[in-house]
Amino acid sequence: MNLKRSNKNLLLLLVVVVLITSPLIFVKNAEFGGADGQAEGVITEINPNYEPWFSPLLEPASGEIESLLFSLQAAIGAGVIGYFFGLVKGKRESNSKDNSKVKKA
């Protein structure tokens, strides 16, 4: 199977979209909560008198805003990591080009 690069990228994008949307379509009336809420429930089951050590400085107005902030944080982190790997790769390619020019001279 010999696919062009753009076709491979399109196919991968389609697979990602299917993976993201399939739980939303096939799992009806499900609560897609995070680990924080589940952990809080388990802690209060184990010890109903548990008092948290601290409270958040800023409480988002809704769960959607909290999800937005989490997604923004993840995107910024991915951007920083991607920039770092791109920078390292660029430096390696630059050094290999410089070394090949020196060997020819």
N, C-alpha and C. Protein backbone atom coordinates (compact mmCIF):
# COMPACT_ATOMS: atom_id res chain seq x y z
N MET A 1 0.85 -1.17 0.00
CA MET A 1 0.00 0.00 0.00
C MET A 1 0.89 1.23 0.00
N ASN A 2 0.89 1.94 -1.09
CA ASN A 2 1.77 3.08 -1.26
C ASN A 2 0.94 4.36 -1.29
N LEU A 3 0.82 5.01 -0.14
CA LEU A 3 0.05 6.24 -0.03
C LEU A 3 0.99 7.44 -0.06
N LYS A 4 0.54 8.51 -0.69
CA LYS A 4 1.30 9.75 -0.65
C LYS A 4 1.27 10.30 0.76
N ARG A 5 2.21 11.16 1.05
CA ARG A 5 2.32 11.74 2.39
C ARG A 5 1.06 12.49 2.79
N SER A 6 0.48 13.26 1.88
CA SER A 6 -0.73 14.02 2.21
C SER A 6 -1.91 13.10 2.47
N ASN A 7 -1.98 11.98 1.75
CA ASN A 7 -3.05 11.01 1.99
C ASN A 7 -2.89 10.34 3.34
N LYS A 8 -1.64 10.06 3.72
CA LYS A 8 -1.39 9.47 5.04
C LYS A 8 -1.81 10.43 6.14
N ASN A 9 -1.46 11.69 5.98
CA ASN A 9 -1.83 12.69 6.99
C ASN A 9 -3.34 12.83 7.09
N LEU A 10 -4.01 12.83 5.95
CA LEU A 10 -5.46 12.93 5.94
C LEU A 10 -6.10 11.71 6.61
N LEU A 11 -5.57 10.54 6.33
CA LEU A 11 -6.07 9.31 6.95
C LEU A 11 -5.85 9.33 8.46
N LEU A 12 -4.69 9.78 8.90
CA LEU A 12 -4.41 9.87 10.34
C LEU A 12 -5.34 10.88 11.01
N LEU A 13 -5.59 12.00 10.35
CA LEU A 13 -6.51 13.00 10.89
C LEU A 13 -7.91 12.43 11.03
N LEU A 14 -8.35 11.68 10.04
CA LEU A 14 -9.66 11.04 10.08
C LEU A 14 -9.75 10.04 11.24
N VAL A 15 -8.70 9.26 11.45
CA VAL A 15 -8.67 8.29 12.56
C VAL A 15 -8.76 9.02 13.89
N VAL A 16 -8.05 10.13 14.03
CA VAL A 16 -8.08 10.90 15.28
C VAL A 16 -9.48 11.45 15.53
N VAL A 17 -10.12 11.97 14.50
CA VAL A 17 -11.47 12.51 14.65
C VAL A 17 -12.44 11.40 15.06
N VAL A 18 -12.31 10.23 14.46
CA VAL A 18 -13.19 9.11 14.82
C VAL A 18 -12.95 8.68 16.27
N LEU A 19 -11.69 8.63 16.68
CA LEU A 19 -11.38 8.24 18.06
C LEU A 19 -11.92 9.25 19.08
N ILE A 20 -11.89 10.51 18.72
CA ILE A 20 -12.37 11.54 19.64
C ILE A 20 -13.89 11.55 19.71
N THR A 21 -14.55 11.42 18.58
CA THR A 21 -16.00 11.55 18.57
C THR A 21 -16.75 10.27 18.92
N SER A 22 -16.15 9.11 18.74
CA SER A 22 -16.89 7.86 18.98
C SER A 22 -17.39 7.71 20.42
N PRO A 23 -16.62 8.04 21.45
CA PRO A 23 -17.19 7.93 22.81
C PRO A 23 -18.37 8.87 23.02
N LEU A 24 -18.31 10.04 22.40
CA LEU A 24 -19.40 11.00 22.57
C LEU A 24 -20.68 10.52 21.88
N ILE A 25 -20.52 9.76 20.80
CA ILE A 25 -21.67 9.27 20.05
C ILE A 25 -22.24 7.99 20.65
N PHE A 26 -21.38 7.05 20.98
CA PHE A 26 -21.83 5.72 21.38
C PHE A 26 -22.10 5.55 22.87
N VAL A 27 -21.51 6.37 23.71
CA VAL A 27 -21.72 6.26 25.16
C VAL A 27 -22.69 7.37 25.57
N LYS A 28 -23.96 7.03 25.63
CA LYS A 28 -25.00 8.01 25.92
C LYS A 28 -25.09 8.25 27.43
N ASN A 29 -25.41 9.48 27.81
CA ASN A 29 -25.63 9.89 29.20
C ASN A 29 -24.45 9.54 30.11
N ALA A 30 -23.24 9.62 29.57
CA ALA A 30 -22.06 9.34 30.37
C ALA A 30 -21.49 10.65 30.90
N GLU A 31 -20.89 10.56 32.06
CA GLU A 31 -20.23 11.73 32.64
C GLU A 31 -18.74 11.59 32.41
N PHE A 32 -18.18 12.49 31.64
CA PHE A 32 -16.75 12.44 31.36
C PHE A 32 -16.03 13.36 32.33
N GLY A 33 -15.96 12.95 33.58
CA GLY A 33 -15.32 13.75 34.62
C GLY A 33 -13.84 13.43 34.70
N GLY A 34 -13.14 14.28 35.39
CA GLY A 34 -11.71 14.10 35.54
C GLY A 34 -11.35 13.28 36.77
N ALA A 35 -10.08 13.04 36.94
CA ALA A 35 -9.59 12.25 38.06
C ALA A 35 -9.74 12.99 39.39
N ASP A 36 -9.72 14.32 39.35
CA ASP A 36 -9.84 15.09 40.59
C ASP A 36 -11.18 14.82 41.28
N GLY A 37 -12.25 14.84 40.51
CA GLY A 37 -13.57 14.59 41.08
C GLY A 37 -13.71 13.18 41.61
N GLN A 38 -13.15 12.21 40.90
CA GLN A 38 -13.20 10.82 41.35
C GLN A 38 -12.38 10.64 42.62
N ALA A 39 -11.22 11.27 42.68
CA ALA A 39 -10.37 11.15 43.87
C ALA A 39 -11.06 11.76 45.08
N GLU A 40 -11.72 12.88 44.88
CA GLU A 40 -12.44 13.53 45.99
C GLU A 40 -13.54 12.61 46.53
N GLY A 41 -14.24 11.94 45.62
CA GLY A 41 -15.29 11.00 46.04
C GLY A 41 -14.74 9.84 46.84
N VAL A 42 -13.62 9.29 46.40
CA VAL A 42 -13.00 8.15 47.10
C VAL A 42 -12.49 8.58 48.47
N ILE A 43 -11.88 9.76 48.54
CA ILE A 43 -11.35 10.25 49.82
C ILE A 43 -12.48 10.45 50.82
N THR A 44 -13.59 11.04 50.40
CA THR A 44 -14.70 11.24 51.33
C THR A 44 -15.36 9.92 51.71
N GLU A 45 -15.28 8.91 50.86
CA GLU A 45 -15.78 7.57 51.23
C GLU A 45 -14.92 6.97 52.32
N ILE A 46 -13.60 7.09 52.17
CA ILE A 46 -12.67 6.50 53.14
C ILE A 46 -12.71 7.26 54.46
N ASN A 47 -12.68 8.59 54.38
CA ASN A 47 -12.65 9.41 55.58
C ASN A 47 -13.61 10.59 55.41
N PRO A 48 -14.84 10.45 55.90
CA PRO A 48 -15.81 11.54 55.71
C PRO A 48 -15.43 12.85 56.41
N ASN A 49 -14.54 12.80 57.38
CA ASN A 49 -14.14 14.00 58.13
C ASN A 49 -12.89 14.66 57.56
N TYR A 50 -12.45 14.22 56.39
CA TYR A 50 -11.22 14.76 55.80
C TYR A 50 -11.38 16.24 55.48
N GLU A 51 -10.40 17.02 55.85
CA GLU A 51 -10.36 18.45 55.55
C GLU A 51 -9.19 18.70 54.59
N PRO A 52 -9.44 19.33 53.44
CA PRO A 52 -8.34 19.63 52.52
C PRO A 52 -7.32 20.56 53.16
N TRP A 53 -6.07 20.44 52.73
CA TRP A 53 -5.00 21.26 53.28
C TRP A 53 -5.13 22.72 52.87
N PHE A 54 -5.64 22.94 51.68
CA PHE A 54 -5.79 24.31 51.19
C PHE A 54 -6.93 24.35 50.20
N SER A 55 -7.34 25.55 49.87
CA SER A 55 -8.39 25.72 48.86
C SER A 55 -7.81 26.48 47.67
N PRO A 56 -8.40 26.32 46.49
CA PRO A 56 -7.85 27.00 45.31
C PRO A 56 -7.91 28.52 45.45
N LEU A 57 -6.92 29.19 44.88
CA LEU A 57 -6.90 30.65 44.91
C LEU A 57 -7.98 31.23 44.00
N LEU A 58 -8.20 30.58 42.85
CA LEU A 58 -9.18 31.05 41.88
C LEU A 58 -10.02 29.86 41.44
N GLU A 59 -11.29 29.90 41.70
CA GLU A 59 -12.21 28.82 41.32
C GLU A 59 -12.91 29.22 40.03
N PRO A 60 -12.74 28.44 38.94
CA PRO A 60 -13.43 28.77 37.69
C PRO A 60 -14.95 28.77 37.88
N ALA A 61 -15.63 29.60 37.08
CA ALA A 61 -17.07 29.76 37.22
C ALA A 61 -17.84 28.50 36.84
N SER A 62 -17.30 27.71 35.91
CA SER A 62 -18.01 26.49 35.50
C SER A 62 -17.01 25.42 35.08
N GLY A 63 -17.54 24.22 34.87
CA GLY A 63 -16.69 23.12 34.43
C GLY A 63 -16.12 23.34 33.04
N GLU A 64 -16.88 24.06 32.19
CA GLU A 64 -16.39 24.33 30.84
C GLU A 64 -15.18 25.24 30.87
N ILE A 65 -15.21 26.24 31.74
CA ILE A 65 -14.06 27.15 31.85
C ILE A 65 -12.87 26.39 32.41
N GLU A 66 -13.11 25.52 33.36
CA GLU A 66 -12.03 24.71 33.93
C GLU A 66 -11.41 23.83 32.84
N SER A 67 -12.25 23.23 32.00
CA SER A 67 -11.74 22.41 30.89
C SER A 67 -10.96 23.26 29.90
N LEU A 68 -11.46 24.46 29.63
CA LEU A 68 -10.76 25.36 28.72
C LEU A 68 -9.38 25.71 29.25
N LEU A 69 -9.29 26.04 30.53
CA LEU A 69 -7.99 26.38 31.11
C LEU A 69 -7.04 25.19 31.09
N PHE A 70 -7.58 24.00 31.36
CA PHE A 70 -6.74 22.80 31.32
C PHE A 70 -6.24 22.55 29.90
N SER A 71 -7.12 22.71 28.90
CA SER A 71 -6.72 22.51 27.51
C SER A 71 -5.69 23.55 27.08
N LEU A 72 -5.88 24.78 27.52
CA LEU A 72 -4.93 25.83 27.20
C LEU A 72 -3.56 25.52 27.81
N GLN A 73 -3.55 25.04 29.03
CA GLN A 73 -2.31 24.66 29.69
C GLN A 73 -1.63 23.53 28.93
N ALA A 74 -2.40 22.53 28.50
CA ALA A 74 -1.84 21.41 27.75
C ALA A 74 -1.29 21.88 26.40
N ALA A 75 -2.00 22.78 25.73
CA ALA A 75 -1.54 23.29 24.43
C ALA A 75 -0.25 24.08 24.57
N ILE A 76 -0.16 24.91 25.60
CA ILE A 76 1.07 25.68 25.82
C ILE A 76 2.23 24.73 26.11
N GLY A 77 1.99 23.73 26.93
CA GLY A 77 3.04 22.75 27.23
C GLY A 77 3.48 22.00 25.99
N ALA A 78 2.53 21.58 25.16
CA ALA A 78 2.88 20.88 23.92
C ALA A 78 3.66 21.79 22.99
N GLY A 79 3.28 23.07 22.94
CA GLY A 79 4.01 24.02 22.11
C GLY A 79 5.45 24.20 22.57
N VAL A 80 5.65 24.29 23.87
CA VAL A 80 7.01 24.46 24.41
C VAL A 80 7.84 23.21 24.11
N ILE A 81 7.26 22.04 24.32
CA ILE A 81 7.99 20.80 24.04
C ILE A 81 8.30 20.68 22.55
N GLY A 82 7.31 20.98 21.70
CA GLY A 82 7.54 20.93 20.25
C GLY A 82 8.60 21.92 19.81
N TYR A 83 8.58 23.12 20.37
CA TYR A 83 9.60 24.12 20.04
C TYR A 83 10.98 23.61 20.43
N PHE A 84 11.11 23.02 21.61
CA PHE A 84 12.40 22.51 22.07
C PHE A 84 12.92 21.43 21.14
N PHE A 85 12.06 20.46 20.78
CA PHE A 85 12.51 19.38 19.89
C PHE A 85 12.85 19.92 18.51
N GLY A 86 12.09 20.89 18.00
CA GLY A 86 12.40 21.50 16.72
C GLY A 86 13.72 22.25 16.76
N LEU A 87 13.98 22.93 17.86
CA LEU A 87 15.23 23.66 18.01
C LEU A 87 16.41 22.71 18.02
N VAL A 88 16.30 21.62 18.77
CA VAL A 88 17.38 20.64 18.84
C VAL A 88 17.61 20.01 17.47
N LYS A 89 16.55 19.65 16.77
CA LYS A 89 16.69 19.05 15.44
C LYS A 89 17.32 20.04 14.47
N GLY A 90 16.89 21.30 14.52
CA GLY A 90 17.48 22.31 13.65
C GLY A 90 18.96 22.51 13.90
N LYS A 91 19.35 22.50 15.16
CA LYS A 91 20.77 22.64 15.48
C LYS A 91 21.57 21.45 14.97
N ARG A 92 21.01 20.25 15.12
CA ARG A 92 21.71 19.05 14.63
C ARG A 92 21.87 19.09 13.12
N GLU A 93 20.80 19.48 12.41
CA GLU A 93 20.88 19.56 10.95
C GLU A 93 21.86 20.64 10.52
N SER A 94 21.88 21.75 11.23
CA SER A 94 22.81 22.83 10.92
C SER A 94 24.26 22.38 11.14
N ASN A 95 24.48 21.67 12.25
CA ASN A 95 25.83 21.18 12.53
C ASN A 95 26.26 20.13 11.51
N SER A 96 25.35 19.27 11.09
CA SER A 96 25.73 18.23 10.12
C SER A 96 26.03 18.86 8.76
N LYS A 97 25.32 19.93 8.37
CA LYS A 97 25.62 20.63 7.12
C LYS A 97 26.97 21.33 7.21
N ASP A 98 27.25 21.94 8.36
CA ASP A 98 28.53 22.61 8.54
C ASP A 98 29.68 21.61 8.50
N ASN A 99 29.49 20.45 9.11
CA ASN A 99 30.53 19.42 9.13
C ASN A 99 30.77 18.85 7.73
N SER A 100 29.72 18.70 6.94
CA SER A 100 29.88 18.17 5.59
C SER A 100 30.63 19.18 4.70
N LYS A 101 30.43 20.48 4.92
CA LYS A 101 31.14 21.50 4.15
C LYS A 101 32.61 21.51 4.52
N VAL A 102 32.92 21.30 5.79
CA VAL A 102 34.32 21.29 6.24
C VAL A 102 35.05 20.09 5.66
N LYS A 103 34.40 18.94 5.61
CA LYS A 103 35.04 17.74 5.07
C LYS A 103 35.33 17.88 3.58
N LYS A 104 34.47 18.59 2.83
CA LYS A 104 34.68 18.76 1.39
C LYS A 104 35.85 19.69 1.10
N ALA A 105 36.10 20.65 1.98
CA ALA A 105 37.14 21.64 1.72
C ALA A 105 38.51 21.12 1.92
